[in-house]
Amino acid sequence: MCNDVVSDFTDPTVVDNNNDNSVVFDYASYEAKIDVMAGELDTLWIMVSTFLVMFMQAGFAMLEMGTVRSKNAQNILLKNLLDISFATVIWFCVG
């Protein structure tokens, strides 16, 4: 879908309103295509940010696990798993 939108930008819509061979670009079609592309970029940014937060949470779990004794490592991992699980459910509910 994104490739169709990008390829449409290279093929402008030319409108001859007065039949006098004057060239006028149809900017309304460009605005609609830009709105679609902006929505797709917003979705992409939210997904990238979500992946970064998930990897950050995993890195923080490893950091915390390295600072405690080995007998407490399982408790730290469970705490971090519950933390991200509750945060995900709350984010879906509240937004």
C-alpha atoms as a PDB file:
ATOM      1  CA  MET A   1       0.000   0.000   0.000  1.00  0.00           C
ATOM      2  CA  CYS A   2       2.812   2.401   0.840  1.00  0.00           C
ATOM      3  CA  ASN A   3       4.518   1.752  -2.504  1.00  0.00           C
ATOM      4  CA  ASP A   4       1.333   2.753  -4.326  1.00  0.00           C
ATOM      5  CA  VAL A   5       1.202   6.043  -2.447  1.00  0.00           C
ATOM      6  CA  VAL A   6       4.874   6.810  -3.094  1.00  0.00           C
ATOM      7  CA  SER A   7       4.645   5.941  -6.779  1.00  0.00           C
ATOM      8  CA  ASP A   8       1.608   8.210  -7.125  1.00  0.00           C
ATOM      9  CA  PHE A   9       3.734  11.193  -6.137  1.00  0.00           C
ATOM     10  CA  THR A  10       5.944  10.728  -9.195  1.00  0.00           C
ATOM     11  CA  ASP A  11       2.944  10.845 -11.544  1.00  0.00           C
ATOM     12  CA  PRO A  12       1.209  14.195 -10.949  1.00  0.00           C
ATOM     13  CA  THR A  13      -2.392  14.738 -11.914  1.00  0.00           C
ATOM     14  CA  VAL A  14      -2.591  17.508 -14.503  1.00  0.00           C
ATOM     15  CA  VAL A  15      -5.841  19.359 -14.974  1.00  0.00           C
ATOM     16  CA  ASP A  16      -6.583  21.636 -17.939  1.00  0.00           C
ATOM     17  CA  ASN A  17      -9.528  23.671 -16.671  1.00  0.00           C
ATOM     18  CA  ASN A  18      -9.784  26.219 -19.492  1.00  0.00           C
ATOM     19  CA  ASN A  19      -8.854  23.990 -22.460  1.00  0.00           C
ATOM     20  CA  ASP A  20      -6.093  26.464 -23.326  1.00  0.00           C
ATOM     21  CA  ASN A  21      -3.228  24.010 -22.747  1.00  0.00           C
ATOM     22  CA  SER A  22      -2.388  25.577 -19.359  1.00  0.00           C
ATOM     23  CA  VAL A  23      -1.066  23.128 -16.788  1.00  0.00           C
ATOM     24  CA  VAL A  24      -2.540  23.189 -13.290  1.00  0.00           C
ATOM     25  CA  PHE A  25      -1.667  20.592 -10.669  1.00  0.00           C
ATOM     26  CA  ASP A  26      -4.442  19.005  -8.638  1.00  0.00           C
ATOM     27  CA  TYR A  27      -3.208  19.731  -5.107  1.00  0.00           C
ATOM     28  CA  ALA A  28      -6.270  18.179  -3.454  1.00  0.00           C
ATOM     29  CA  SER A  29      -5.179  14.713  -4.542  1.00  0.00           C
ATOM     30  CA  TYR A  30      -1.707  15.368  -3.106  1.00  0.00           C
ATOM     31  CA  GLU A  31      -3.189  16.444   0.230  1.00  0.00           C
ATOM     32  CA  ALA A  32      -5.216  13.233   0.447  1.00  0.00           C
ATOM     33  CA  LYS A  33      -2.129  11.133  -0.320  1.00  0.00           C
ATOM     34  CA  ILE A  34      -0.064  13.039   2.250  1.00  0.00           C
ATOM     35  CA  ASP A  35      -2.771  12.457   4.878  1.00  0.00           C
ATOM     36  CA  VAL A  36      -2.683   8.717   4.168  1.00  0.00           C
ATOM     37  CA  MET A  37       1.111   8.669   4.342  1.00  0.00           C
ATOM     38  CA  ALA A  38       1.090  10.662   7.598  1.00  0.00           C
ATOM     39  CA  GLY A  39      -1.237   8.104   9.179  1.00  0.00           C
ATOM     40  CA  GLU A  40       1.026   5.258   8.074  1.00  0.00           C
ATOM     41  CA  LEU A  41       4.100   7.026   9.466  1.00  0.00           C
ATOM     42  CA  ASP A  42       2.329   7.632  12.789  1.00  0.00           C
ATOM     43  CA  THR A  43       1.528   3.923  13.049  1.00  0.00           C
ATOM     44  CA  LEU A  44       5.103   2.996  12.167  1.00  0.00           C
ATOM     45  CA  TRP A  45       6.506   5.357  14.811  1.00  0.00           C
ATOM     46  CA  ILE A  46       4.222   3.917  17.514  1.00  0.00           C
ATOM     47  CA  MET A  47       5.294   0.370  16.608  1.00  0.00           C
ATOM     48  CA  VAL A  48       9.012   1.276  16.628  1.00  0.00           C
ATOM     49  CA  SER A  49       8.613   3.012  19.989  1.00  0.00           C
ATOM     50  CA  THR A  50       6.809  -0.016  21.400  1.00  0.00           C
ATOM     51  CA  PHE A  51       9.585  -2.357  20.308  1.00  0.00           C
ATOM     52  CA  LEU A  52      12.191  -0.048  21.855  1.00  0.00           C
ATOM     53  CA  VAL A  53      10.341   0.002  25.174  1.00  0.00           C
ATOM     54  CA  MET A  54      10.055  -3.800  25.200  1.00  0.00           C
ATOM     55  CA  PHE A  55      13.779  -4.231  24.522  1.00  0.00           C
ATOM     56  CA  MET A  56      14.555  -1.603  27.157  1.00  0.00           C
ATOM     57  CA  GLN A  57      12.498  -3.571  29.672  1.00  0.00           C
ATOM     58  CA  ALA A  58      14.411  -6.761  28.845  1.00  0.00           C
ATOM     59  CA  GLY A  59      17.730  -4.946  29.209  1.00  0.00           C
ATOM     60  CA  PHE A  60      16.678  -3.518  32.536  1.00  0.00           C
ATOM     61  CA  ALA A  61      15.735  -7.019  33.709  1.00  0.00           C
ATOM     62  CA  MET A  62      19.223  -8.267  32.816  1.00  0.00           C
ATOM     63  CA  LEU A  63      20.805  -5.309  34.616  1.00  0.00           C
ATOM     64  CA  GLU A  64      18.731  -5.938  37.723  1.00  0.00           C
ATOM     65  CA  MET A  65      19.456  -9.645  37.602  1.00  0.00           C
ATOM     66  CA  GLY A  66      23.174  -8.910  37.572  1.00  0.00           C
ATOM     67  CA  THR A  67      22.937  -6.900  40.780  1.00  0.00           C
ATOM     68  CA  VAL A  68      21.313  -9.577  42.961  1.00  0.00           C
ATOM     69  CA  ARG A  69      22.344 -13.009  44.136  1.00  0.00           C
ATOM     70  CA  SER A  70      21.564 -15.933  41.892  1.00  0.00           C
ATOM     71  CA  LYS A  71      18.907 -17.273  44.293  1.00  0.00           C
ATOM     72  CA  ASN A  72      16.885 -14.041  43.749  1.00  0.00           C
ATOM     73  CA  ALA A  73      17.236 -13.934  39.948  1.00  0.00           C
ATOM     74  CA  GLN A  74      13.940 -15.744  39.368  1.00  0.00           C
ATOM     75  CA  ASN A  75      12.087 -13.263  41.605  1.00  0.00           C
ATOM     76  CA  ILE A  76      13.551 -10.305  39.708  1.00  0.00           C
ATOM     77  CA  LEU A  77      12.579 -11.769  36.341  1.00  0.00           C
ATOM     78  CA  LEU A  78       9.053 -12.493  37.552  1.00  0.00           C
ATOM     79  CA  LYS A  79       8.756  -8.938  38.895  1.00  0.00           C
ATOM     80  CA  ASN A  80       9.830  -7.485  35.553  1.00  0.00           C
ATOM     81  CA  LEU A  81       7.507  -9.800  33.627  1.00  0.00           C
ATOM     82  CA  LEU A  82       4.546  -8.803  35.782  1.00  0.00           C
ATOM     83  CA  ASP A  83       5.534  -5.145  35.499  1.00  0.00           C
ATOM     84  CA  ILE A  84       5.447  -5.143  31.702  1.00  0.00           C
ATOM     85  CA  SER A  85       2.304  -7.336  31.627  1.00  0.00           C
ATOM     86  CA  PHE A  86       0.332  -4.995  33.881  1.00  0.00           C
ATOM     87  CA  ALA A  87       1.638  -1.945  32.025  1.00  0.00           C
ATOM     88  CA  THR A  88       0.546  -3.427  28.687  1.00  0.00           C
ATOM     89  CA  VAL A  89      -2.958  -4.240  29.936  1.00  0.00           C
ATOM     90  CA  ILE A  90      -3.362  -0.788  31.480  1.00  0.00           C
ATOM     91  CA  TRP A  91      -2.090   0.884  28.308  1.00  0.00           C
ATOM     92  CA  PHE A  92      -4.649  -1.033  26.198  1.00  0.00           C
ATOM     93  CA  CYS A  93      -7.465  -0.148  28.623  1.00  0.00           C
ATOM     94  CA  VAL A  94      -6.626   3.501  29.223  1.00  0.00           C
ATOM     95  CA  GLY A  95      -4.637   4.309  26.128  1.00  0.00           C
END
